[in-house]
C-alpha atoms as a PDB file:
ATOM      1  CA  MET A   1     -50.733  15.938 -13.913  1.00  0.00           C
ATOM      2  CA  GLN A   2     -50.388  14.401 -10.683  1.00  0.00           C
ATOM      3  CA  GLN A   3     -52.258  15.468  -7.769  1.00  0.00           C
ATOM      4  CA  GLY A   4     -49.115  16.254  -5.720  1.00  0.00           C
ATOM      5  CA  THR A   5     -48.044  18.393  -8.849  1.00  0.00           C
ATOM      6  CA  MET A   6     -51.442  20.271  -8.631  1.00  0.00           C
ATOM      7  CA  GLN A   7     -50.715  20.608  -4.822  1.00  0.00           C
ATOM      8  CA  GLN A   8     -47.675  22.056  -5.222  1.00  0.00           C
ATOM      9  CA  ASN A   9     -48.827  24.425  -8.207  1.00  0.00           C
ATOM     10  CA  ALA A  10     -52.004  25.525  -5.904  1.00  0.00           C
ATOM     11  CA  GLN A  11     -49.803  26.574  -3.044  1.00  0.00           C
ATOM     12  CA  GLN A  12     -47.948  28.572  -5.087  1.00  0.00           C
ATOM     13  CA  GLN A  13     -47.729  32.217  -4.013  1.00  0.00           C
ATOM     14  CA  TYR A  14     -48.679  35.262  -6.232  1.00  0.00           C
ATOM     15  CA  GLN A  15     -47.396  38.273  -5.687  1.00  0.00           C
ATOM     16  CA  LEU A  16     -47.878  42.065  -6.644  1.00  0.00           C
ATOM     17  CA  PRO A  17     -46.215  42.864 -10.130  1.00  0.00           C
ATOM     18  CA  ALA A  18     -43.771  46.137  -9.759  1.00  0.00           C
ATOM     19  CA  LEU A  19     -45.701  49.076 -11.856  1.00  0.00           C
ATOM     20  CA  PRO A  20     -43.740  50.231 -15.033  1.00  0.00           C
ATOM     21  CA  TYR A  21     -43.639  53.573 -13.713  1.00  0.00           C
ATOM     22  CA  ALA A  22     -44.036  55.290 -10.285  1.00  0.00           C
ATOM     23  CA  LEU A  23     -47.660  56.112  -8.613  1.00  0.00           C
ATOM     24  CA  ASN A  24     -47.702  59.895  -9.493  1.00  0.00           C
ATOM     25  CA  ALA A  25     -46.802  59.248 -13.456  1.00  0.00           C
ATOM     26  CA  LEU A  26     -49.981  59.332 -14.562  1.00  0.00           C
ATOM     27  CA  VAL A  27     -51.342  62.331 -13.334  1.00  0.00           C
ATOM     28  CA  PRO A  28     -53.628  64.141 -14.112  1.00  0.00           C
ATOM     29  CA  VAL A  29     -55.878  61.754 -15.791  1.00  0.00           C
ATOM     30  CA  ILE A  30     -55.184  59.351 -12.243  1.00  0.00           C
ATOM     31  CA  SER A  31     -54.485  60.844  -9.215  1.00  0.00           C
ATOM     32  CA  GLU A  32     -51.369  59.239  -7.064  1.00  0.00           C
ATOM     33  CA  GLU A  33     -53.986  59.082  -3.999  1.00  0.00           C
ATOM     34  CA  ILE A  34     -56.072  56.532  -6.710  1.00  0.00           C
ATOM     35  CA  MET A  35     -52.951  54.559  -7.769  1.00  0.00           C
ATOM     36  CA  ASN A  36     -51.746  54.074  -4.111  1.00  0.00           C
ATOM     37  CA  LEU A  37     -55.173  52.461  -3.122  1.00  0.00           C
ATOM     38  CA  HIS A  38     -55.663  50.903  -6.464  1.00  0.00           C
ATOM     39  CA  TYR A  39     -52.617  49.311  -6.650  1.00  0.00           C
ATOM     40  CA  ASN A  40     -51.403  48.889  -3.287  1.00  0.00           C
ATOM     41  CA  LYS A  41     -54.846  47.716  -1.000  1.00  0.00           C
ATOM     42  CA  HIS A  42     -56.835  46.901  -4.222  1.00  0.00           C
ATOM     43  CA  HIS A  43     -54.762  44.913  -6.045  1.00  0.00           C
ATOM     44  CA  GLN A  44     -52.880  43.374  -3.360  1.00  0.00           C
ATOM     45  CA  GLY A  45     -56.235  42.373  -1.295  1.00  0.00           C
ATOM     46  CA  TYR A  46     -56.813  39.962  -4.564  1.00  0.00           C
ATOM     47  CA  VAL A  47     -53.380  38.581  -4.371  1.00  0.00           C
ATOM     48  CA  ASN A  48     -53.576  37.945  -0.619  1.00  0.00           C
ATOM     49  CA  ASN A  49     -57.565  36.608  -0.843  1.00  0.00           C
ATOM     50  CA  LEU A  50     -56.183  34.755  -3.869  1.00  0.00           C
ATOM     51  CA  ASN A  51     -53.007  33.016  -2.298  1.00  0.00           C
ATOM     52  CA  GLN A  52     -55.349  32.217   0.640  1.00  0.00           C
ATOM     53  CA  ALA A  53     -58.380  30.225  -1.306  1.00  0.00           C
ATOM     54  CA  LEU A  54     -55.725  28.355  -2.952  1.00  0.00           C
ATOM     55  CA  ALA A  55     -54.121  27.343   0.543  1.00  0.00           C
ATOM     56  CA  GLN A  56     -57.672  26.133   1.492  1.00  0.00           C
ATOM     57  CA  TYR A  57     -57.965  24.812  -2.000  1.00  0.00           C
ATOM     58  CA  ALA A  58     -55.015  22.284  -1.721  1.00  0.00           C
ATOM     59  CA  GLU A  59     -55.704  21.366   1.587  1.00  0.00           C
ATOM     60  CA  ALA A  60     -59.599  20.122   0.419  1.00  0.00           C
ATOM     61  CA  GLN A  61     -57.974  18.679  -2.675  1.00  0.00           C
ATOM     62  CA  GLN A  62     -55.832  16.631  -0.001  1.00  0.00           C
ATOM     63  CA  LYS A  63     -58.576  15.947   2.154  1.00  0.00           C
ATOM     64  CA  GLN A  64     -60.748  14.744  -1.182  1.00  0.00           C
ATOM     65  CA  ASP A  65     -63.262  17.434   0.437  1.00  0.00           C
ATOM     66  CA  LEU A  66     -65.375  18.075  -2.912  1.00  0.00           C
ATOM     67  CA  GLN A  67     -67.884  20.114  -1.489  1.00  0.00           C
ATOM     68  CA  ALA A  68     -64.922  22.355   0.101  1.00  0.00           C
ATOM     69  CA  MET A  69     -62.895  22.083  -3.445  1.00  0.00           C
ATOM     70  CA  THR A  70     -66.482  23.320  -5.218  1.00  0.00           C
ATOM     71  CA  ALA A  71     -67.495  26.512  -2.766  1.00  0.00           C
ATOM     72  CA  LEU A  72     -63.784  27.979  -3.493  1.00  0.00           C
ATOM     73  CA  LEU A  73     -63.984  28.217  -6.773  1.00  0.00           C
ATOM     74  CA  ALA A  74     -65.839  31.624  -6.380  1.00  0.00           C
ATOM     75  CA  ALA A  75     -63.125  32.564  -4.700  1.00  0.00           C
ATOM     76  CA  ILE A  76     -60.761  31.976  -6.821  1.00  0.00           C
ATOM     77  CA  LYS A  77     -62.010  33.061  -9.825  1.00  0.00           C
ATOM     78  CA  PHE A  78     -63.029  36.282  -8.359  1.00  0.00           C
ATOM     79  CA  ASN A  79     -59.576  37.164  -6.901  1.00  0.00           C
ATOM     80  CA  GLY A  80     -57.778  35.450  -9.714  1.00  0.00           C
ATOM     81  CA  GLY A  81     -59.760  37.684 -12.293  1.00  0.00           C
ATOM     82  CA  GLY A  82     -58.887  40.559 -10.535  1.00  0.00           C
ATOM     83  CA  HIS A  83     -55.378  39.950 -10.152  1.00  0.00           C
ATOM     84  CA  LEU A  84     -55.004  38.867 -13.916  1.00  0.00           C
ATOM     85  CA  ASN A  85     -57.022  41.859 -14.772  1.00  0.00           C
ATOM     86  CA  HIS A  86     -54.841  44.337 -12.869  1.00  0.00           C
ATOM     87  CA  SER A  87     -51.389  42.594 -13.926  1.00  0.00           C
ATOM     88  CA  ILE A  88     -52.959  43.882 -17.779  1.00  0.00           C
ATOM     89  CA  PHE A  89     -54.302  47.352 -16.762  1.00  0.00           C
ATOM     90  CA  TRP A  90     -51.092  48.649 -15.169  1.00  0.00           C
ATOM     91  CA  THR A  91     -48.939  47.661 -18.600  1.00  0.00           C
ATOM     92  CA  ASN A  92     -51.691  48.990 -20.913  1.00  0.00           C
ATOM     93  CA  LEU A  93     -51.368  52.926 -19.381  1.00  0.00           C
ATOM     94  CA  ALA A  94     -47.548  54.680 -19.858  1.00  0.00           C
ATOM     95  CA  PRO A  95     -47.276  58.212 -18.859  1.00  0.00           C
ATOM     96  CA  GLU A  96     -47.329  60.312 -21.676  1.00  0.00           C
ATOM     97  CA  SER A  97     -43.582  61.028 -21.215  1.00  0.00           C
ATOM     98  CA  GLN A  98     -42.769  57.622 -22.005  1.00  0.00           C
ATOM     99  CA  GLY A  99     -45.302  56.762 -25.080  1.00  0.00           C
ATOM    100  CA  GLY A 100     -48.565  57.334 -23.118  1.00  0.00           C
ATOM    101  CA  GLY A 101     -51.620  58.171 -25.813  1.00  0.00           C
ATOM    102  CA  ALA A 102     -49.370  57.715 -29.080  1.00  0.00           C
ATOM    103  CA  PRO A 103     -51.263  56.229 -31.652  1.00  0.00           C
ATOM    104  CA  PRO A 104     -50.683  52.777 -32.101  1.00  0.00           C
ATOM    105  CA  GLU A 105     -48.421  51.700 -35.412  1.00  0.00           C
ATOM    106  CA  GLY A 106     -47.629  48.612 -37.406  1.00  0.00           C
ATOM    107  CA  GLU A 107     -49.633  45.229 -38.104  1.00  0.00           C
ATOM    108  CA  PHE A 108     -51.846  46.121 -34.909  1.00  0.00           C
ATOM    109  CA  ALA A 109     -52.645  49.059 -36.092  1.00  0.00           C
ATOM    110  CA  THR A 110     -53.760  47.827 -39.208  1.00  0.00           C
ATOM    111  CA  ALA A 111     -55.804  45.452 -38.019  1.00  0.00           C
ATOM    112  CA  LEU A 112     -57.555  48.159 -35.818  1.00  0.00           C
ATOM    113  CA  ASN A 113     -58.415  49.971 -38.800  1.00  0.00           C
ATOM    114  CA  GLN A 114     -59.879  46.962 -40.733  1.00  0.00           C
ATOM    115  CA  SER A 115     -61.561  46.609 -37.996  1.00  0.00           C
ATOM    116  CA  PHE A 116     -63.089  49.846 -37.246  1.00  0.00           C
ATOM    117  CA  GLY A 117     -62.102  52.191 -39.583  1.00  0.00           C
ATOM    118  CA  THR A 118     -59.910  54.227 -37.687  1.00  0.00           C
ATOM    119  CA  LEU A 119     -58.753  54.513 -34.311  1.00  0.00           C
ATOM    120  CA  GLN A 120     -61.094  57.162 -32.937  1.00  0.00           C
ATOM    121  CA  ASN A 121     -63.683  54.793 -34.496  1.00  0.00           C
ATOM    122  CA  PHE A 122     -62.827  52.288 -32.127  1.00  0.00           C
ATOM    123  CA  ILE A 123     -62.918  54.728 -29.187  1.00  0.00           C
ATOM    124  CA  ASP A 124     -65.782  55.887 -29.794  1.00  0.00           C
ATOM    125  CA  GLN A 125     -67.342  52.558 -30.318  1.00  0.00           C
ATOM    126  CA  PHE A 126     -65.511  51.285 -27.222  1.00  0.00           C
ATOM    127  CA  SER A 127     -65.904  54.409 -24.917  1.00  0.00           C
ATOM    128  CA  PRO A 128     -69.826  53.851 -24.547  1.00  0.00           C
ATOM    129  CA  LYS A 129     -69.969  50.199 -23.758  1.00  0.00           C
ATOM    130  CA  ALA A 130     -66.977  50.786 -21.151  1.00  0.00           C
ATOM    131  CA  VAL A 131     -69.665  53.799 -19.461  1.00  0.00           C
ATOM    132  CA  ALA A 132     -72.926  52.000 -19.741  1.00  0.00           C
ATOM    133  CA  ILE A 133     -71.285  48.681 -18.018  1.00  0.00           C
ATOM    134  CA  GLN A 134     -73.972  48.026 -14.432  1.00  0.00           C
ATOM    135  CA  GLY A 135     -72.644  48.188 -11.439  1.00  0.00           C
ATOM    136  CA  SER A 136     -68.579  47.331 -11.695  1.00  0.00           C
ATOM    137  CA  GLY A 137     -67.075  45.572 -14.518  1.00  0.00           C
ATOM    138  CA  TRP A 138     -64.188  45.989 -17.261  1.00  0.00           C
ATOM    139  CA  CYS A 139     -64.558  47.321 -21.084  1.00  0.00           C
ATOM    140  CA  TRP A 140     -61.988  45.298 -22.876  1.00  0.00           C
ATOM    141  CA  LEU A 141     -60.048  44.753 -26.777  1.00  0.00           C
ATOM    142  CA  GLY A 142     -59.933  41.352 -27.279  1.00  0.00           C
ATOM    143  CA  TYR A 143     -58.707  39.386 -29.954  1.00  0.00           C
ATOM    144  CA  ASN A 144     -60.533  36.041 -31.356  1.00  0.00           C
ATOM    145  CA  LYS A 145     -57.964  33.980 -32.475  1.00  0.00           C
ATOM    146  CA  ALA A 146     -60.292  31.412 -34.301  1.00  0.00           C
ATOM    147  CA  ARG A 147     -61.634  34.214 -36.261  1.00  0.00           C
ATOM    148  CA  ASN A 148     -58.852  36.532 -36.429  1.00  0.00           C
ATOM    149  CA  THR A 149     -60.371  39.478 -35.088  1.00  0.00           C
ATOM    150  CA  LEU A 150     -60.521  42.280 -32.709  1.00  0.00           C
ATOM    151  CA  GLU A 151     -63.716  42.063 -30.470  1.00  0.00           C
ATOM    152  CA  ILE A 152     -65.190  44.594 -27.655  1.00  0.00           C
ATOM    153  CA  THR A 153     -67.198  43.065 -24.749  1.00  0.00           C
ATOM    154  CA  THR A 154     -67.604  44.058 -20.918  1.00  0.00           C
ATOM    155  CA  CYS A 155     -66.657  42.161 -18.136  1.00  0.00           C
ATOM    156  CA  ASP A 156     -69.241  42.142 -15.117  1.00  0.00           C
ATOM    157  CA  ASN A 157     -66.959  42.331 -11.526  1.00  0.00           C
ATOM    158  CA  GLN A 158     -63.161  40.682 -12.077  1.00  0.00           C
ATOM    159  CA  ASP A 159     -64.620  37.456 -14.779  1.00  0.00           C
ATOM    160  CA  PRO A 160     -61.453  37.698 -16.994  1.00  0.00           C
ATOM    161  CA  LEU A 161     -61.708  37.813 -20.774  1.00  0.00           C
ATOM    162  CA  SER A 162     -60.741  34.369 -21.284  1.00  0.00           C
ATOM    163  CA  THR A 163     -64.191  33.431 -20.092  1.00  0.00           C
ATOM    164  CA  LYS A 164     -65.485  34.882 -22.991  1.00  0.00           C
ATOM    165  CA  GLY A 165     -62.911  32.933 -25.451  1.00  0.00           C
ATOM    166  CA  LEU A 166     -61.018  35.749 -26.237  1.00  0.00           C
ATOM    167  CA  ILE A 167     -57.267  36.995 -25.745  1.00  0.00           C
ATOM    168  CA  PRO A 168     -57.100  40.491 -23.624  1.00  0.00           C
ATOM    169  CA  LEU A 169     -55.499  43.245 -25.234  1.00  0.00           C
ATOM    170  CA  LEU A 170     -56.561  45.714 -23.482  1.00  0.00           C
ATOM    171  CA  GLY A 171     -58.965  46.691 -20.319  1.00  0.00           C
ATOM    172  CA  VAL A 172     -60.137  49.716 -18.872  1.00  0.00           C
ATOM    173  CA  ASP A 173     -61.153  48.905 -15.171  1.00  0.00           C
ATOM    174  CA  VAL A 174     -64.713  50.779 -14.711  1.00  0.00           C
ATOM    175  CA  TRP A 175     -64.665  49.805 -10.894  1.00  0.00           C
ATOM    176  CA  GLU A 176     -65.628  52.847  -8.502  1.00  0.00           C
ATOM    177  CA  HIS A 177     -62.661  52.505  -6.867  1.00  0.00           C
ATOM    178  CA  ALA A 178     -60.524  53.059 -10.637  1.00  0.00           C
ATOM    179  CA  TYR A 179     -62.181  56.733 -11.173  1.00  0.00           C
ATOM    180  CA  TYR A 180     -64.371  57.650  -7.715  1.00  0.00           C
ATOM    181  CA  LEU A 181     -61.898  59.943  -5.782  1.00  0.00           C
ATOM    182  CA  GLN A 182     -61.075  62.004  -8.645  1.00  0.00           C
ATOM    183  CA  TYR A 183     -63.915  62.080 -11.113  1.00  0.00           C
ATOM    184  CA  LYS A 184     -66.544  61.666  -8.631  1.00  0.00           C
ATOM    185  CA  ASN A 185     -69.623  59.745 -10.431  1.00  0.00           C
ATOM    186  CA  VAL A 186     -68.887  60.977 -13.564  1.00  0.00           C
ATOM    187  CA  ARG A 187     -67.030  57.527 -14.964  1.00  0.00           C
ATOM    188  CA  ALA A 188     -67.545  59.071 -18.790  1.00  0.00           C
ATOM    189  CA  ASP A 189     -65.104  61.707 -17.453  1.00  0.00           C
ATOM    190  CA  TYR A 190     -62.758  59.007 -16.630  1.00  0.00           C
ATOM    191  CA  VAL A 191     -63.177  56.940 -19.714  1.00  0.00           C
ATOM    192  CA  LYS A 192     -63.041  60.024 -21.685  1.00  0.00           C
ATOM    193  CA  ALA A 193     -59.517  60.956 -20.092  1.00  0.00           C
ATOM    194  CA  ILE A 194     -57.637  57.472 -19.906  1.00  0.00           C
ATOM    195  CA  TRP A 195     -57.371  57.462 -23.739  1.00  0.00           C
ATOM    196  CA  LYS A 196     -54.316  59.881 -23.002  1.00  0.00           C
ATOM    197  CA  ILE A 197     -52.366  57.763 -21.435  1.00  0.00           C
ATOM    198  CA  ILE A 198     -53.326  54.025 -23.180  1.00  0.00           C
ATOM    199  CA  ASN A 199     -49.853  52.475 -23.699  1.00  0.00           C
ATOM    200  CA  TRP A 200     -50.632  51.258 -27.631  1.00  0.00           C
ATOM    201  CA  LYS A 201     -46.921  50.043 -27.669  1.00  0.00           C
ATOM    202  CA  ASN A 202     -48.177  47.028 -24.499  1.00  0.00           C
ATOM    203  CA  VAL A 203     -51.150  46.656 -26.630  1.00  0.00           C
ATOM    204  CA  ALA A 204     -49.468  45.920 -29.900  1.00  0.00           C
ATOM    205  CA  GLU A 205     -47.016  43.577 -28.034  1.00  0.00           C
ATOM    206  CA  ARG A 206     -50.048  41.840 -26.248  1.00  0.00           C
ATOM    207  CA  TYR A 207     -51.448  41.651 -30.259  1.00  0.00           C
ATOM    208  CA  GLN A 208     -48.309  40.176 -31.961  1.00  0.00           C
ATOM    209  CA  LYS A 209     -48.054  37.523 -28.803  1.00  0.00           C
ATOM    210  CA  ALA A 210     -51.878  36.534 -29.133  1.00  0.00           C
ATOM    211  CA  LYS A 211     -51.367  35.930 -32.791  1.00  0.00           C
ATOM    212  CA  ALA A 212     -48.301  33.605 -32.467  1.00  0.00           C
ATOM    213  CA  LYS A 213     -50.014  31.628 -29.399  1.00  0.00           C
END
């Protein structure tokens, strides 16, 4: 890729993706107040900071300032990961009226059962890992293309799942901003409740796309 093209790509503005439902659609599992802050403040903040860091990176690249470019990589990873993770998270959720919580079907359901026995066994393995994350982070169901397997793992802060060589299918945000206003310090209650609004249809679609790559 030519340098000019790299600079142009770095300067492209990322935007907050449209929510596929209203801010109050996930009540009572996630309150409207949490959704408003999480989506319009936190996610928007990651987008803004990512665009700023990329613009600074492009400027440093044009000046061939390797020291400045290297210093910006952490901000790009953190805010880029925040944008990626949340963009997946919103689509992983759905109101019960739109199928949220309905069990998975088809090829993905078969793969999930092959890996974990039953959906409940998967939830029973996933939930404690999400609750046990120290500080801030995410718990993920990812697809390991090399092994053709489904795997549960966790990531610190906003590290994207790609840093562990997996394709993200389902992510649960356990940063305090995702639940504290409603569930206080009882993260386990939030994780227990969120299964009522998991959009398994979206997870299955991500699985099919991951296998096709």
